[in-house]
Amino acid sequence: MTTENFIRIFAGAVILLSLALGAEASPLFHSRYWLWLAAFVGANLFQFGFSGFCPLELILKRFGLKSCSQLHAQG
């Protein structure tokens, strides 16, 4: 798994979880403040698209995950 794939999976999971906890129609509803987490993740994805900087990617690289470009350079 590459860092790009993990970031997409992680961001999607966090957004779905925060929507489940923050939407009043959800059976898992806890508080509307959970919607702020979805907004934060969405804003991070937005700025990542323009700048290419993602804090989670730095953490994943320290744990040894490789990016797509690193995998293609090895092959």
Protein backbone atom coordinates (compact mmCIF):
# COMPACT_ATOMS: atom_id res chain seq x y z
CA MET A 1 0.00 0.00 0.00
CA THR A 2 1.28 3.46 -0.85
CA THR A 3 0.99 6.66 1.15
CA GLU A 4 -1.46 8.08 -1.40
CA ASN A 5 -3.77 5.08 -1.08
CA PHE A 6 -3.62 5.13 2.71
CA ILE A 7 -4.38 8.87 2.84
CA ARG A 8 -7.46 8.40 0.64
CA ILE A 9 -8.72 5.48 2.73
CA PHE A 10 -8.03 7.25 6.04
CA ALA A 11 -9.62 10.54 4.95
CA GLY A 12 -12.70 8.75 3.61
CA ALA A 13 -13.10 6.75 6.82
CA VAL A 14 -12.73 9.83 9.04
CA ILE A 15 -15.25 11.80 6.97
CA LEU A 16 -17.79 8.95 7.02
CA LEU A 17 -17.34 8.45 10.76
CA SER A 18 -17.70 12.15 11.54
CA LEU A 19 -20.82 12.35 9.36
CA ALA A 20 -22.29 9.32 11.12
CA LEU A 21 -21.62 10.91 14.51
CA GLY A 22 -22.65 14.44 13.49
CA ALA A 23 -25.74 14.01 11.30
CA GLU A 24 -28.97 14.04 13.28
CA ALA A 25 -30.59 11.49 10.96
CA SER A 26 -27.87 8.94 11.74
CA PRO A 27 -28.51 6.19 14.29
CA LEU A 28 -24.98 6.86 15.61
CA PHE A 29 -25.66 10.57 16.19
CA HIS A 30 -23.74 12.03 19.12
CA SER A 31 -23.20 15.75 18.54
CA ARG A 32 -23.33 18.18 15.63
CA TYR A 33 -19.79 19.25 16.52
CA TRP A 34 -18.48 16.08 14.83
CA LEU A 35 -19.24 17.78 11.50
CA TRP A 36 -16.29 20.10 12.16
CA LEU A 37 -14.00 17.09 11.81
CA ALA A 38 -15.41 16.35 8.34
CA ALA A 39 -14.88 20.01 7.39
CA PHE A 40 -11.28 19.90 8.69
CA VAL A 41 -10.43 16.75 6.72
CA GLY A 42 -12.07 18.18 3.60
CA ALA A 43 -10.09 21.41 3.95
CA ASN A 44 -6.85 19.43 4.34
CA LEU A 45 -7.62 17.43 1.20
CA PHE A 46 -8.37 20.67 -0.65
CA GLN A 47 -5.07 22.31 0.30
CA PHE A 48 -3.19 19.05 -0.36
CA GLY A 49 -4.48 19.13 -3.93
CA PHE A 50 -2.88 22.54 -4.48
CA SER A 51 0.25 22.39 -2.35
CA GLY A 52 1.12 18.69 -2.27
CA PHE A 53 1.75 18.98 1.50
CA CYS A 54 0.00 16.52 3.82
CA PRO A 55 0.99 16.05 7.49
CA LEU A 56 -0.28 12.46 7.45
CA GLU A 57 2.05 11.66 4.54
CA LEU A 58 5.05 12.76 6.61
CA ILE A 59 3.97 10.43 9.44
CA LEU A 60 3.40 7.52 7.07
CA LYS A 61 6.83 7.95 5.47
CA ARG A 62 8.42 7.79 8.93
CA PHE A 63 6.64 4.46 9.43
CA GLY A 64 8.17 3.18 6.20
CA LEU A 65 5.29 3.45 3.71
CA LYS A 66 6.43 4.43 0.25
CA SER A 67 4.78 6.84 -2.17
CA CYS A 68 3.80 5.89 -5.71
CA SER A 69 6.80 7.75 -7.12
CA GLN A 70 9.18 5.86 -4.82
CA LEU A 71 7.71 2.52 -5.90
CA HIS A 72 8.03 3.37 -9.59
CA ALA A 73 11.65 4.49 -9.10
CA GLN A 74 12.51 1.10 -7.57
CA GLY A 75 10.83 -0.94 -10.30
